[in-house]
Amino acid sequence: MIDAHFHIWRLSRGDYGWLTPAAGALFRDFDLDDWRSVSAPCGVTGGIVVQAAPTEAETCFLLQQADQAPDVLGVVGWADLLAADAPQRIHALAANSKLRALRPMLQDIADPDWILQDSLRPAIEAMLASDLAFDALVKPVHLPRIRALAARFPELRIVLDHGAKPSIATGQWQDWADEIALLARSTDVVCKLSGLWTEAGPGTGVATLLPYMQHLMSSFGAGRVLWGSDWPVLRSAVDYCAWHAACIGLLSPHHLPEVTEAVARRVYRV
C-alpha cells in the first residue's frame, strides 16, 4: 500500500511561507519517522513525499531525505517553471531518479490562467523529456484550465491533487461536480483521493465526505484514482487511520489494489 501524498518539513529551513504559529499543531518539525509511526499501523509500506515550499532548495532537501529511505518511492518537487534556464534546472533535478513530478503551487497564484501562458512551454517540454508527472495543486476555479493544459500537452501525466479542493465546509457541490466529471471524461488526468477532510473541517462526519469521494470514484474510475493521506496537514481535521479507514471502506476489494498501489506506481513510475 502506497501513500501517494504526504509531507515532511523542518521549520529551521525557513522557506515555508504558509507555515506560521497560526497553523497550530502543524507548526513543528515532521520527519519520516513521524510519518512511519502513523502510516505503518495502517499497512502502508511506501510513499510519495510532496513539496510544501516553492523553492528548489526544499526539493533538494526532500531528495536527500528520499535517497536515504527505501520506503520513500518518489518526490514531487518544485522548480521555477518561468526561469530563463528552467529546462536546465529541471534536467538537473531530474538527474536524481527519485524526482518523479513537479508541482507549482497554483492555488496560491492569483491568476488562474497562469498555467496556460506560452512562456511555460519550455519547462513543460523539459518535464516531458525527463519523464516527470505534473501535480496540479488547484481549486475548482482551475479545473477548466487543467482541462486546457491536458489538451495542449496530451502526453503530460497530470495528477489532480485533493480532488481540486472543493469547499466542503461551505457546501460547494454542483460547479465542482460538473467540472470534475467533464475533466475526467475529456482527459487522461488522474486524481488523488486525498485532502477532502481538511476541506470539510474538524468535527465533520465521514457521511459529509462520502458524496465527494464517491463522485471522484465514479467520474475517474478506480484505474485513475490514487490514495493519499496529505499528512500531516490531515492532522488539522482528523487522524491518519480515520481517513485511511474511510477510504478503505469506500473501495471494493477488487478496486483496492489499484487505488492504493497500482495507479501510483504507474503515474509516478515507481
Protein backbone atom coordinates (compact mmCIF):
# COMPACT_ATOMS: atom_id res chain seq x y z
CA MET A 1 0.00 0.00 0.00
CA ILE A 2 1.37 3.37 -1.10
CA ASP A 3 0.58 6.74 0.44
CA ALA A 4 0.75 8.85 -2.72
CA HIS A 5 0.78 12.21 -0.93
CA PHE A 6 2.47 13.11 2.33
CA HIS A 7 4.77 15.87 3.55
CA ILE A 8 7.71 16.35 5.85
CA TRP A 9 9.23 19.66 6.87
CA ARG A 10 11.91 21.21 9.02
CA LEU A 11 10.99 24.68 10.25
CA SER A 12 14.60 25.84 10.56
CA ARG A 13 14.89 25.66 6.77
CA GLY A 14 12.82 28.85 6.69
CA ASP A 15 11.07 28.70 3.30
CA TYR A 16 7.56 27.54 4.30
CA GLY A 17 5.81 30.88 3.92
CA TRP A 18 2.40 29.47 4.81
CA LEU A 19 3.61 27.66 7.92
CA THR A 20 3.32 30.08 10.85
CA PRO A 21 2.36 29.72 14.52
CA ALA A 22 -1.23 30.26 13.37
CA ALA A 23 -1.05 26.74 11.92
CA GLY A 24 -1.23 25.40 15.47
CA ALA A 25 -0.24 21.75 15.79
CA LEU A 26 1.29 21.81 12.32
CA PHE A 27 3.89 24.36 13.41
CA ARG A 28 6.63 21.92 14.30
CA ASP A 29 9.04 19.63 12.52
CA PHE A 30 7.69 16.46 10.93
CA ASP A 31 10.12 13.84 9.69
CA LEU A 32 9.94 10.45 8.00
CA ASP A 33 9.81 8.57 11.29
CA ASP A 34 6.79 10.63 12.32
CA TRP A 35 5.06 9.62 9.07
CA ARG A 36 6.03 5.97 9.53
CA SER A 37 4.63 5.95 13.07
CA VAL A 38 1.12 6.73 11.77
CA SER A 39 1.20 5.08 8.34
CA ALA A 40 2.74 1.70 9.18
CA PRO A 41 -0.12 0.64 11.50
CA CYS A 42 -2.45 1.13 8.52
CA GLY A 43 -0.43 -1.22 6.34
CA VAL A 44 1.34 1.47 4.31
CA THR A 45 4.75 0.32 3.11
CA GLY A 46 5.83 3.18 0.85
CA GLY A 47 5.01 6.73 -0.06
CA ILE A 48 5.43 9.75 -2.31
CA VAL A 49 6.66 12.82 -0.45
CA VAL A 50 5.39 16.14 -1.80
CA GLN A 51 6.84 19.64 -1.68
CA ALA A 52 5.49 22.16 0.81
CA ALA A 53 7.63 25.18 -0.13
CA PRO A 54 8.06 26.87 -3.52
CA THR A 55 11.84 26.54 -3.60
CA GLU A 56 14.32 24.27 -5.31
CA ALA A 57 16.20 24.15 -2.01
CA GLU A 58 13.30 22.29 -0.42
CA THR A 59 13.16 19.90 -3.38
CA CYS A 60 16.85 19.12 -2.83
CA PHE A 61 16.15 18.59 0.88
CA LEU A 62 13.37 16.12 0.05
CA LEU A 63 15.57 14.30 -2.43
CA GLN A 64 18.32 14.00 0.17
CA GLN A 65 15.84 12.52 2.63
CA ALA A 66 14.44 10.15 0.00
CA ASP A 67 17.89 8.94 -1.02
CA GLN A 68 18.32 7.53 2.49
CA ALA A 69 14.85 5.98 2.69
CA PRO A 70 13.86 2.99 0.54
CA ASP A 71 10.22 3.41 1.57
CA VAL A 72 10.13 6.89 0.01
CA LEU A 73 9.44 5.83 -3.54
CA GLY A 74 9.44 9.26 -5.11
CA VAL A 75 9.45 13.02 -4.64
CA VAL A 76 7.05 15.60 -6.04
CA GLY A 77 9.22 18.70 -6.10
CA TRP A 78 9.11 22.31 -7.19
CA ALA A 79 11.04 24.27 -9.81
CA ASP A 80 10.75 27.81 -11.12
CA LEU A 81 8.98 27.00 -14.37
CA LEU A 82 9.34 30.57 -15.62
CA ALA A 83 13.10 30.84 -15.06
CA ALA A 84 15.11 31.56 -18.19
CA ASP A 85 17.06 28.38 -17.53
CA ALA A 86 14.07 26.33 -16.37
CA PRO A 87 14.79 23.39 -18.73
CA GLN A 88 18.34 23.09 -17.46
CA ARG A 89 17.20 23.31 -13.84
CA ILE A 90 14.56 20.65 -14.41
CA HIS A 91 17.01 18.29 -16.09
CA ALA A 92 19.49 18.81 -13.23
CA LEU A 93 16.87 17.99 -10.58
CA ALA A 94 15.64 15.00 -12.58
CA ALA A 95 19.15 13.55 -12.59
CA ASN A 96 18.08 12.21 -9.20
CA SER A 97 15.87 9.26 -10.11
CA LYS A 98 13.64 9.82 -7.09
CA LEU A 99 12.26 13.04 -8.54
CA ARG A 100 9.03 11.84 -10.13
CA ALA A 101 6.96 15.02 -10.56
CA LEU A 102 6.90 18.79 -10.19
CA ARG A 103 4.20 20.87 -8.54
CA PRO A 104 3.78 24.60 -8.97
CA MET A 105 1.58 25.85 -6.16
CA LEU A 106 -1.22 27.02 -8.46
CA GLN A 107 -3.71 27.53 -5.62
CA ASP A 108 -1.51 30.36 -4.31
CA ILE A 109 -1.13 32.17 -7.66
CA ALA A 110 -3.68 34.97 -8.10
CA ASP A 111 -4.16 34.48 -11.84
CA PRO A 112 -5.98 31.18 -12.51
CA ASP A 113 -4.77 31.35 -16.13
CA TRP A 114 -1.11 31.40 -15.07
CA ILE A 115 -0.55 27.77 -16.05
CA LEU A 116 -1.68 28.43 -19.63
CA GLN A 117 0.89 31.08 -20.55
CA ASP A 118 3.06 30.23 -23.58
CA SER A 119 6.26 31.05 -21.68
CA LEU A 120 5.83 27.85 -19.66
CA ARG A 121 6.16 25.62 -22.71
CA PRO A 122 9.97 25.11 -22.46
CA ALA A 123 9.66 24.00 -18.84
CA ILE A 124 6.79 21.61 -19.53
CA GLU A 125 8.63 20.16 -22.52
CA ALA A 126 11.63 19.60 -20.24
CA MET A 127 9.34 17.78 -17.79
CA LEU A 128 8.16 15.56 -20.62
CA ALA A 129 11.73 14.89 -21.72
CA SER A 130 12.62 13.93 -18.13
CA ASP A 131 9.52 11.71 -17.78
CA LEU A 132 8.14 13.79 -14.90
CA ALA A 133 4.48 13.99 -13.95
CA PHE A 134 2.71 17.27 -13.18
CA ASP A 135 0.91 17.56 -9.84
CA ALA A 136 -1.92 20.09 -10.02
CA LEU A 137 -2.48 21.78 -6.65
CA VAL A 138 -5.65 23.61 -7.59
CA LYS A 139 -9.10 24.73 -6.55
CA PRO A 140 -12.32 24.28 -8.53
CA VAL A 141 -11.78 27.53 -10.44
CA HIS A 142 -8.69 25.99 -12.03
CA LEU A 143 -10.39 22.88 -13.41
CA PRO A 144 -11.16 24.33 -16.86
CA ARG A 145 -7.52 25.45 -17.04
CA ILE A 146 -6.26 21.96 -16.19
CA ARG A 147 -8.52 20.62 -18.93
CA ALA A 148 -6.94 23.07 -21.38
CA LEU A 149 -3.44 22.14 -20.18
CA ALA A 150 -4.17 18.46 -20.77
CA ALA A 151 -5.38 19.23 -24.29
CA ARG A 152 -2.27 21.29 -25.01
CA PHE A 153 0.12 18.62 -23.68
CA PRO A 154 -1.65 15.27 -24.15
CA GLU A 155 1.47 13.29 -23.20
CA LEU A 156 1.87 15.07 -19.86
CA ARG A 157 0.84 12.89 -16.93
CA ILE A 158 -1.32 15.22 -14.81
CA VAL A 159 -2.25 14.33 -11.23
CA LEU A 160 -5.10 16.31 -9.69
CA ASP A 161 -4.33 16.82 -6.00
CA HIS A 162 -7.06 16.56 -3.36
CA GLY A 163 -9.93 16.34 -5.84
CA ALA A 164 -9.33 20.04 -6.63
CA LYS A 165 -10.16 21.01 -3.04
CA PRO A 166 -13.92 21.64 -3.15
CA SER A 167 -15.10 23.83 -0.28
CA ILE A 168 -16.95 21.08 1.53
CA ALA A 169 -17.28 23.23 4.66
CA THR A 170 -19.47 25.71 2.74
CA GLY A 171 -21.37 23.05 0.79
CA GLN A 172 -19.79 23.67 -2.61
CA TRP A 173 -21.01 20.96 -4.95
CA GLN A 174 -22.58 21.45 -8.37
CA ASP A 175 -19.97 23.59 -10.11
CA TRP A 176 -17.20 21.38 -8.73
CA ALA A 177 -19.01 18.14 -9.55
CA ASP A 178 -19.77 19.22 -13.13
CA GLU A 179 -16.19 20.27 -13.82
CA ILE A 180 -14.77 17.09 -12.27
CA ALA A 181 -16.99 14.95 -14.47
CA LEU A 182 -16.02 16.92 -17.57
CA LEU A 183 -12.30 16.75 -16.76
CA ALA A 184 -12.47 13.00 -16.20
CA ARG A 185 -14.47 12.43 -19.37
CA SER A 186 -12.37 14.57 -21.69
CA THR A 187 -8.79 13.97 -20.48
CA ASP A 188 -6.47 11.29 -19.10
CA VAL A 189 -5.92 13.21 -15.84
CA VAL A 190 -5.72 11.05 -12.72
CA CYS A 191 -6.98 12.18 -9.32
CA LYS A 192 -5.78 11.82 -5.76
CA LEU A 193 -8.29 10.67 -3.18
CA SER A 194 -6.78 12.93 -0.53
CA GLY A 195 -7.22 16.21 1.27
CA LEU A 196 -11.01 16.19 1.44
CA TRP A 197 -11.42 16.03 5.22
CA THR A 198 -9.28 19.14 5.56
CA GLU A 199 -11.66 20.97 3.22
CA ALA A 200 -14.59 19.83 5.36
CA GLY A 201 -13.03 20.88 8.64
CA PRO A 202 -12.57 19.27 12.05
CA GLY A 203 -15.58 17.61 13.58
CA THR A 204 -17.13 16.76 10.22
CA GLY A 205 -18.53 13.25 9.96
CA VAL A 206 -17.47 10.93 7.18
CA ALA A 207 -21.04 10.94 5.82
CA THR A 208 -20.49 14.53 4.67
CA LEU A 209 -17.42 13.47 2.69
CA LEU A 210 -18.92 10.41 1.03
CA PRO A 211 -20.71 12.18 -1.87
CA TYR A 212 -17.43 13.87 -2.84
CA MET A 213 -15.42 10.67 -2.53
CA GLN A 214 -18.00 8.70 -4.49
CA HIS A 215 -18.15 11.35 -7.23
CA LEU A 216 -14.39 11.20 -7.70
CA MET A 217 -14.50 7.42 -7.90
CA SER A 218 -17.44 7.30 -10.31
CA SER A 219 -16.00 10.06 -12.52
CA PHE A 220 -12.42 8.83 -12.83
CA GLY A 221 -12.84 5.13 -12.10
CA ALA A 222 -10.52 3.08 -9.92
CA GLY A 223 -7.91 2.91 -12.67
CA ARG A 224 -7.38 6.68 -12.45
CA VAL A 225 -7.60 7.31 -8.68
CA LEU A 226 -4.71 7.06 -6.24
CA TRP A 227 -4.95 7.25 -2.48
CA GLY A 228 -3.00 9.73 -0.38
CA SER A 229 -3.11 10.98 3.18
CA ASP A 230 -1.96 14.60 2.88
CA TRP A 231 -0.39 14.02 6.29
CA PRO A 232 0.48 15.97 8.41
CA VAL A 233 -1.92 18.62 7.06
CA LEU A 234 -4.56 15.94 7.61
CA ARG A 235 -3.99 16.29 11.36
CA SER A 236 -5.87 19.60 11.34
CA ALA A 237 -9.08 17.66 10.64
CA VAL A 238 -8.72 14.01 11.65
CA ASP A 239 -6.12 11.35 12.40
CA TYR A 240 -4.37 9.27 9.75
CA CYS A 241 -6.09 5.98 10.44
CA ALA A 242 -9.58 7.54 10.36
CA TRP A 243 -9.01 8.87 6.83
CA HIS A 244 -7.43 5.58 5.77
CA ALA A 245 -10.39 3.60 7.15
CA ALA A 246 -12.91 5.89 5.43
CA CYS A 247 -11.25 5.32 2.07
CA ILE A 248 -10.80 1.58 2.52
CA GLY A 249 -14.48 1.34 3.43
CA LEU A 250 -15.40 3.11 0.21
CA LEU A 251 -13.43 0.80 -2.07
CA SER A 252 -14.42 -2.65 -3.20
CA PRO A 253 -11.81 -5.43 -2.69
CA HIS A 254 -11.43 -5.53 -6.47
CA HIS A 255 -10.52 -1.82 -6.68
CA LEU A 256 -8.39 -1.63 -3.55
CA PRO A 257 -5.06 -2.69 -5.16
CA GLU A 258 -5.46 -0.15 -7.96
CA VAL A 259 -6.27 2.86 -5.80
CA THR A 260 -3.80 2.09 -3.02
CA GLU A 261 -0.85 0.99 -5.15
CA ALA A 262 -1.09 0.28 -8.88
CA VAL A 263 -2.13 3.75 -10.07
CA ALA A 264 0.59 5.46 -8.02
CA ARG A 265 3.22 3.11 -9.43
CA ARG A 266 2.05 3.74 -12.98
CA VAL A 267 1.73 7.52 -12.75
CA TYR A 268 4.92 8.17 -10.81
CA ARG A 269 6.93 5.37 -12.48
CA VAL A 270 7.94 3.80 -9.18
